[in-house]
Every structure is written in structure tokens, then in C-alpha cells.
Amino acid sequence: GDSLLFTAGLLHEALGLQVWVIALCA
């Protein structure tokens, strides 16, 4: 959980996702 969320935020550009979208879904 912790590392997944942290890494998702860190790699958001490479994943083609906006930070607020990841944060909201999480």
C-alpha cells in the first residue's frame, strides 16, 4: 500500500496519469 501510492505519485507522468486523479481514486 504505502510504496504503491508513493511510487504511483512519483511515476505519474510515465504512467500518463495526473496526480489528482490517482489521489482521488486511491
PDB file of all heavy atoms in Angstrom:
ATOM      1  N   GLY A   1       0.780  -1.232   0.000  1.00  0.00           N
ATOM      2  CA  GLY A   1       0.000   0.000   0.000  1.00  0.00           C
ATOM      3  C   GLY A   1       0.809   1.278   0.000  1.00  0.00           C
ATOM      4  O   GLY A   1       0.661   2.135  -0.887  1.00  0.00           O
ATOM      5  N   ASP A   2       1.685   1.448   0.987  1.00  0.00           N
ATOM      6  CA  ASP A   2       2.474   2.681   1.111  1.00  0.00           C
ATOM      7  C   ASP A   2       3.363   2.903  -0.109  1.00  0.00           C
ATOM      8  O   ASP A   2       3.335   3.965  -0.731  1.00  0.00           O
ATOM      9  CB  ASP A   2       3.347   2.628   2.373  1.00  0.00           C
ATOM     10  CG  ASP A   2       2.524   2.564   3.642  1.00  0.00           C
ATOM     11  OD1 ASP A   2       1.543   3.320   3.743  1.00  0.00           O
ATOM     12  OD2 ASP A   2       2.851   1.759   4.522  1.00  0.00           O
ATOM     13  N   SER A   3       4.153   1.902  -0.434  1.00  0.00           N
ATOM     14  CA  SER A   3       5.087   2.047  -1.553  1.00  0.00           C
ATOM     15  C   SER A   3       4.350   2.152  -2.880  1.00  0.00           C
ATOM     16  O   SER A   3       4.815   2.824  -3.804  1.00  0.00           O
ATOM     17  CB  SER A   3       6.081   0.877  -1.580  1.00  0.00           C
ATOM     18  OG  SER A   3       5.397  -0.362  -1.667  1.00  0.00           O
ATOM     19  N   LEU A   4       3.180   1.512  -2.984  1.00  0.00           N
ATOM     20  CA  LEU A   4       2.394   1.587  -4.210  1.00  0.00           C
ATOM     21  C   LEU A   4       1.911   3.013  -4.465  1.00  0.00           C
ATOM     22  O   LEU A   4       2.056   3.547  -5.568  1.00  0.00           O
ATOM     23  CB  LEU A   4       1.195   0.639  -4.117  1.00  0.00           C
ATOM     24  CG  LEU A   4       0.261   0.626  -5.332  1.00  0.00           C
ATOM     25  CD1 LEU A   4       0.937  -0.042  -6.516  1.00  0.00           C
ATOM     26  CD2 LEU A   4      -1.044  -0.097  -4.992  1.00  0.00           C
ATOM     27  N   LEU A   5       1.365   3.644  -3.435  1.00  0.00           N
ATOM     28  CA  LEU A   5       0.857   5.010  -3.576  1.00  0.00           C
ATOM     29  C   LEU A   5       1.994   5.994  -3.821  1.00  0.00           C
ATOM     30  O   LEU A   5       1.893   6.884  -4.671  1.00  0.00           O
ATOM     31  CB  LEU A   5       0.085   5.405  -2.313  1.00  0.00           C
ATOM     32  CG  LEU A   5      -1.223   4.664  -2.071  1.00  0.00           C
ATOM     33  CD1 LEU A   5      -1.808   5.057  -0.726  1.00  0.00           C
ATOM     34  CD2 LEU A   5      -2.221   4.951  -3.183  1.00  0.00           C
ATOM     35  N   PHE A   6       3.066   5.847  -3.061  1.00  0.00           N
ATOM     36  CA  PHE A   6       4.222   6.737  -3.207  1.00  0.00           C
ATOM     37  C   PHE A   6       4.800   6.635  -4.619  1.00  0.00           C
ATOM     38  O   PHE A   6       5.058   7.651  -5.272  1.00  0.00           O
ATOM     39  CB  PHE A   6       5.281   6.369  -2.169  1.00  0.00           C
ATOM     40  CG  PHE A   6       6.515   7.233  -2.223  1.00  0.00           C
ATOM     41  CD1 PHE A   6       6.565   8.440  -1.559  1.00  0.00           C
ATOM     42  CD2 PHE A   6       7.632   6.813  -2.944  1.00  0.00           C
ATOM     43  CE1 PHE A   6       7.706   9.241  -1.608  1.00  0.00           C
ATOM     44  CE2 PHE A   6       8.772   7.595  -3.003  1.00  0.00           C
ATOM     45  CZ  PHE A   6       8.806   8.815  -2.327  1.00  0.00           C
ATOM     46  N   THR A   7       4.978   5.409  -5.090  1.00  0.00           N
ATOM     47  CA  THR A   7       5.561   5.201  -6.417  1.00  0.00           C
ATOM     48  C   THR A   7       4.616   5.675  -7.517  1.00  0.00           C
ATOM     49  O   THR A   7       5.062   6.209  -8.539  1.00  0.00           O
ATOM     50  CB  THR A   7       5.898   3.715  -6.632  1.00  0.00           C
ATOM     51  OG1 THR A   7       6.739   3.265  -5.553  1.00  0.00           O
ATOM     52  CG2 THR A   7       6.630   3.502  -7.939  1.00  0.00           C
ATOM     53  N   ALA A   8       3.315   5.491  -7.319  1.00  0.00           N
ATOM     54  CA  ALA A   8       2.342   5.974  -8.300  1.00  0.00           C
ATOM     55  C   ALA A   8       2.428   7.488  -8.449  1.00  0.00           C
ATOM     56  O   ALA A   8       2.373   8.018  -9.565  1.00  0.00           O
ATOM     57  CB  ALA A   8       0.927   5.563  -7.891  1.00  0.00           C
ATOM     58  N   GLY A   9       2.573   8.183  -7.322  1.00  0.00           N
ATOM     59  CA  GLY A   9       2.731   9.635  -7.388  1.00  0.00           C
ATOM     60  C   GLY A   9       4.033  10.032  -8.045  1.00  0.00           C
ATOM     61  O   GLY A   9       4.081  10.983  -8.841  1.00  0.00           O
ATOM     62  N   LEU A  10       5.079   9.292  -7.751  1.00  0.00           N
ATOM     63  CA  LEU A  10       6.392   9.599  -8.300  1.00  0.00           C
ATOM     64  C   LEU A  10       6.449   9.350  -9.808  1.00  0.00           C
ATOM     65  O   LEU A  10       7.069  10.101 -10.554  1.00  0.00           O
ATOM     66  CB  LEU A  10       7.438   8.746  -7.571  1.00  0.00           C
ATOM     67  CG  LEU A  10       8.898   9.164  -7.668  1.00  0.00           C
ATOM     68  CD1 LEU A  10       9.667   8.728  -6.437  1.00  0.00           C
ATOM     69  CD2 LEU A  10       9.534   8.541  -8.913  1.00  0.00           C
ATOM     70  N   LEU A  11       5.766   8.296 -10.279  1.00  0.00           N
ATOM     71  CA  LEU A  11       5.820   7.905 -11.696  1.00  0.00           C
ATOM     72  C   LEU A  11       4.592   8.368 -12.481  1.00  0.00           C
ATOM     73  O   LEU A  11       4.345   7.858 -13.582  1.00  0.00           O
ATOM     74  CB  LEU A  11       5.932   6.377 -11.811  1.00  0.00           C
ATOM     75  CG  LEU A  11       7.165   5.711 -11.197  1.00  0.00           C
ATOM     76  CD1 LEU A  11       7.082   4.196 -11.369  1.00  0.00           C
ATOM     77  CD2 LEU A  11       8.442   6.244 -11.816  1.00  0.00           C
ATOM     78  N   HIS A  12       3.827   9.308 -11.954  1.00  0.00           N
ATOM     79  CA  HIS A  12       2.552   9.657 -12.582  1.00  0.00           C
ATOM     80  C   HIS A  12       2.711  10.105 -14.043  1.00  0.00           C
ATOM     81  O   HIS A  12       1.874   9.801 -14.891  1.00  0.00           O
ATOM     82  CB  HIS A  12       1.836  10.744 -11.767  1.00  0.00           C
ATOM     83  CG  HIS A  12       2.464  12.105 -11.851  1.00  0.00           C
ATOM     84  ND1 HIS A  12       3.523  12.473 -11.050  1.00  0.00           N
ATOM     85  CD2 HIS A  12       2.182  13.176 -12.640  1.00  0.00           C
ATOM     86  CE1 HIS A  12       3.861  13.725 -11.336  1.00  0.00           C
ATOM     87  NE2 HIS A  12       3.072  14.168 -12.295  1.00  0.00           N
ATOM     88  N   GLU A  13       3.800  10.805 -14.347  1.00  0.00           N
ATOM     89  CA  GLU A  13       3.999  11.252 -15.727  1.00  0.00           C
ATOM     90  C   GLU A  13       4.271  10.074 -16.650  1.00  0.00           C
ATOM     91  O   GLU A  13       3.720   9.990 -17.757  1.00  0.00           O
ATOM     92  CB  GLU A  13       5.142  12.260 -15.794  1.00  0.00           C
ATOM     93  CG  GLU A  13       4.820  13.592 -15.118  1.00  0.00           C
ATOM     94  CD  GLU A  13       5.957  14.593 -15.261  1.00  0.00           C
ATOM     95  OE1 GLU A  13       7.053  14.176 -15.704  1.00  0.00           O
ATOM     96  OE2 GLU A  13       5.755  15.772 -14.912  1.00  0.00           O
ATOM     97  N   ALA A  14       5.112   9.162 -16.205  1.00  0.00           N
ATOM     98  CA  ALA A  14       5.419   7.981 -17.016  1.00  0.00           C
ATOM     99  C   ALA A  14       4.183   7.105 -17.216  1.00  0.00           C
ATOM    100  O   ALA A  14       4.055   6.422 -18.238  1.00  0.00           O
ATOM    101  CB  ALA A  14       6.534   7.170 -16.363  1.00  0.00           C
ATOM    102  N   LEU A  15       3.272   7.132 -16.250  1.00  0.00           N
ATOM    103  CA  LEU A  15       2.050   6.338 -16.335  1.00  0.00           C
ATOM    104  C   LEU A  15       0.965   7.041 -17.136  1.00  0.00           C
ATOM    105  O   LEU A  15      -0.084   6.446 -17.424  1.00  0.00           O
ATOM    106  CB  LEU A  15       1.525   6.024 -14.924  1.00  0.00           C
ATOM    107  CG  LEU A  15       2.429   5.173 -14.026  1.00  0.00           C
ATOM    108  CD1 LEU A  15       1.854   5.105 -12.616  1.00  0.00           C
ATOM    109  CD2 LEU A  15       2.609   3.772 -14.602  1.00  0.00           C
ATOM    110  N   GLY A  16       1.206   8.312 -17.459  1.00  0.00           N
ATOM    111  CA  GLY A  16       0.216   9.082 -18.203  1.00  0.00           C
ATOM    112  C   GLY A  16      -0.989   9.455 -17.362  1.00  0.00           C
ATOM    113  O   GLY A  16      -2.101   9.582 -17.875  1.00  0.00           O
ATOM    114  N   LEU A  17      -0.777   9.623 -16.058  1.00  0.00           N
ATOM    115  CA  LEU A  17      -1.870   9.930 -15.141  1.00  0.00           C
ATOM    116  C   LEU A  17      -1.592  11.231 -14.394  1.00  0.00           C
ATOM    117  O   LEU A  17      -0.438  11.534 -14.087  1.00  0.00           O
ATOM    118  CB  LEU A  17      -2.049   8.800 -14.122  1.00  0.00           C
ATOM    119  CG  LEU A  17      -2.422   7.420 -14.689  1.00  0.00           C
ATOM    120  CD1 LEU A  17      -2.323   6.372 -13.593  1.00  0.00           C
ATOM    121  CD2 LEU A  17      -3.826   7.451 -15.273  1.00  0.00           C
ATOM    122  N   GLN A  18      -2.625  11.970 -14.087  1.00  0.00           N
ATOM    123  CA  GLN A  18      -2.482  13.181 -13.291  1.00  0.00           C
ATOM    124  C   GLN A  18      -2.511  12.826 -11.814  1.00  0.00           C
ATOM    125  O   GLN A  18      -3.210  11.894 -11.398  1.00  0.00           O
ATOM    126  CB  GLN A  18      -3.596  14.173 -13.624  1.00  0.00           C
ATOM    127  CG  GLN A  18      -3.557  14.689 -15.050  1.00  0.00           C
ATOM    128  CD  GLN A  18      -4.584  15.775 -15.299  1.00  0.00           C
ATOM    129  OE1 GLN A  18      -5.044  16.442 -14.376  1.00  0.00           O
ATOM    130  NE2 GLN A  18      -4.956  15.954 -16.558  1.00  0.00           N
ATOM    131  N   VAL A  19      -1.764  13.583 -11.028  1.00  0.00           N
ATOM    132  CA  VAL A  19      -1.651  13.295  -9.603  1.00  0.00           C
ATOM    133  C   VAL A  19      -3.013  13.311  -8.921  1.00  0.00           C
ATOM    134  O   VAL A  19      -3.337  12.433  -8.114  1.00  0.00           O
ATOM    135  CB  VAL A  19      -0.696  14.299  -8.917  1.00  0.00           C
ATOM    136  CG1 VAL A  19      -0.702  14.107  -7.401  1.00  0.00           C
ATOM    137  CG2 VAL A  19       0.723  14.139  -9.448  1.00  0.00           C
ATOM    138  N   TRP A  20      -3.833  14.311  -9.240  1.00  0.00           N
ATOM    139  CA  TRP A  20      -5.119  14.426  -8.558  1.00  0.00           C
ATOM    140  C   TRP A  20      -6.041  13.251  -8.883  1.00  0.00           C
ATOM    141  O   TRP A  20      -6.853  12.841  -8.029  1.00  0.00           O
ATOM    142  CB  TRP A  20      -5.789  15.756  -8.897  1.00  0.00           C
ATOM    143  CG  TRP A  20      -6.356  15.870 -10.288  1.00  0.00           C
ATOM    144  CD1 TRP A  20      -5.755  16.374 -11.399  1.00  0.00           C
ATOM    145  CD2 TRP A  20      -7.670  15.461 -10.699  1.00  0.00           C
ATOM    146  NE1 TRP A  20      -6.593  16.311 -12.481  1.00  0.00           N
ATOM    147  CE2 TRP A  20      -7.784  15.761 -12.091  1.00  0.00           C
ATOM    148  CE3 TRP A  20      -8.761  14.885 -10.049  1.00  0.00           C
ATOM    149  CZ2 TRP A  20      -8.944  15.491 -12.811  1.00  0.00           C
ATOM    150  CZ3 TRP A  20      -9.914  14.610 -10.782  1.00  0.00           C
ATOM    151  CH2 TRP A  20      -9.997  14.920 -12.135  1.00  0.00           C
ATOM    152  N   VAL A  21      -5.901  12.693 -10.070  1.00  0.00           N
ATOM    153  CA  VAL A  21      -6.730  11.541 -10.444  1.00  0.00           C
ATOM    154  C   VAL A  21      -6.323  10.311  -9.626  1.00  0.00           C
ATOM    155  O   VAL A  21      -7.169   9.586  -9.089  1.00  0.00           O
ATOM    156  CB  VAL A  21      -6.609  11.248 -11.952  1.00  0.00           C
ATOM    157  CG1 VAL A  21      -7.354   9.955 -12.303  1.00  0.00           C
ATOM    158  CG2 VAL A  21      -7.157  12.406 -12.768  1.00  0.00           C
ATOM    159  N   ILE A  22      -5.013  10.086  -9.519  1.00  0.00           N
ATOM    160  CA  ILE A  22      -4.519   8.959  -8.711  1.00  0.00           C
ATOM    161  C   ILE A  22      -4.943   9.132  -7.260  1.00  0.00           C
ATOM    162  O   ILE A  22      -5.432   8.197  -6.619  1.00  0.00           O
ATOM    163  CB  ILE A  22      -2.989   8.849  -8.792  1.00  0.00           C
ATOM    164  CG1 ILE A  22      -2.530   8.645 -10.232  1.00  0.00           C
ATOM    165  CG2 ILE A  22      -2.487   7.699  -7.921  1.00  0.00           C
ATOM    166  CD1 ILE A  22      -1.016   8.676 -10.406  1.00  0.00           C
ATOM    167  N   ALA A  23      -4.752  10.350  -6.731  1.00  0.00           N
ATOM    168  CA  ALA A  23      -5.079  10.627  -5.332  1.00  0.00           C
ATOM    169  C   ALA A  23      -6.569  10.424  -5.063  1.00  0.00           C
ATOM    170  O   ALA A  23      -6.954   9.836  -4.040  1.00  0.00           O
ATOM    171  CB  ALA A  23      -4.658  12.046  -4.967  1.00  0.00           C
ATOM    172  N   LEU A  24      -7.405  10.899  -5.957  1.00  0.00           N
ATOM    173  CA  LEU A  24      -8.852  10.770  -5.770  1.00  0.00           C
ATOM    174  C   LEU A  24      -9.281   9.302  -5.789  1.00  0.00           C
ATOM    175  O   LEU A  24     -10.042   8.852  -4.914  1.00  0.00           O
ATOM    176  CB  LEU A  24      -9.584  11.541  -6.866  1.00  0.00           C
ATOM    177  CG  LEU A  24     -11.125  11.440  -6.847  1.00  0.00           C
ATOM    178  CD1 LEU A  24     -11.679  11.997  -5.545  1.00  0.00           C
ATOM    179  CD2 LEU A  24     -11.726  12.164  -8.048  1.00  0.00           C
ATOM    180  N   CYS A  25      -8.795   8.555  -6.770  1.00  0.00           N
ATOM    181  CA  CYS A  25      -9.160   7.143  -6.863  1.00  0.00           C
ATOM    182  C   CYS A  25      -8.653   6.353  -5.657  1.00  0.00           C
ATOM    183  O   CYS A  25      -9.355   5.476  -5.135  1.00  0.00           O
ATOM    184  CB  CYS A  25      -8.614   6.544  -8.159  1.00  0.00           C
ATOM    185  SG  CYS A  25      -9.433   7.142  -9.653  1.00  0.00           S
ATOM    186  N   ALA A  26      -7.435   6.665  -5.217  1.00  0.00           N
ATOM    187  CA  ALA A  26      -6.868   5.982  -4.053  1.00  0.00           C
ATOM    188  C   ALA A  26      -7.673   6.303  -2.796  1.00  0.00           C
ATOM    189  O   ALA A  26      -7.919   5.432  -1.954  1.00  0.00           O
ATOM    190  CB  ALA A  26      -5.406   6.385  -3.870  1.00  0.00           C
TER     191      ALA A  26
END
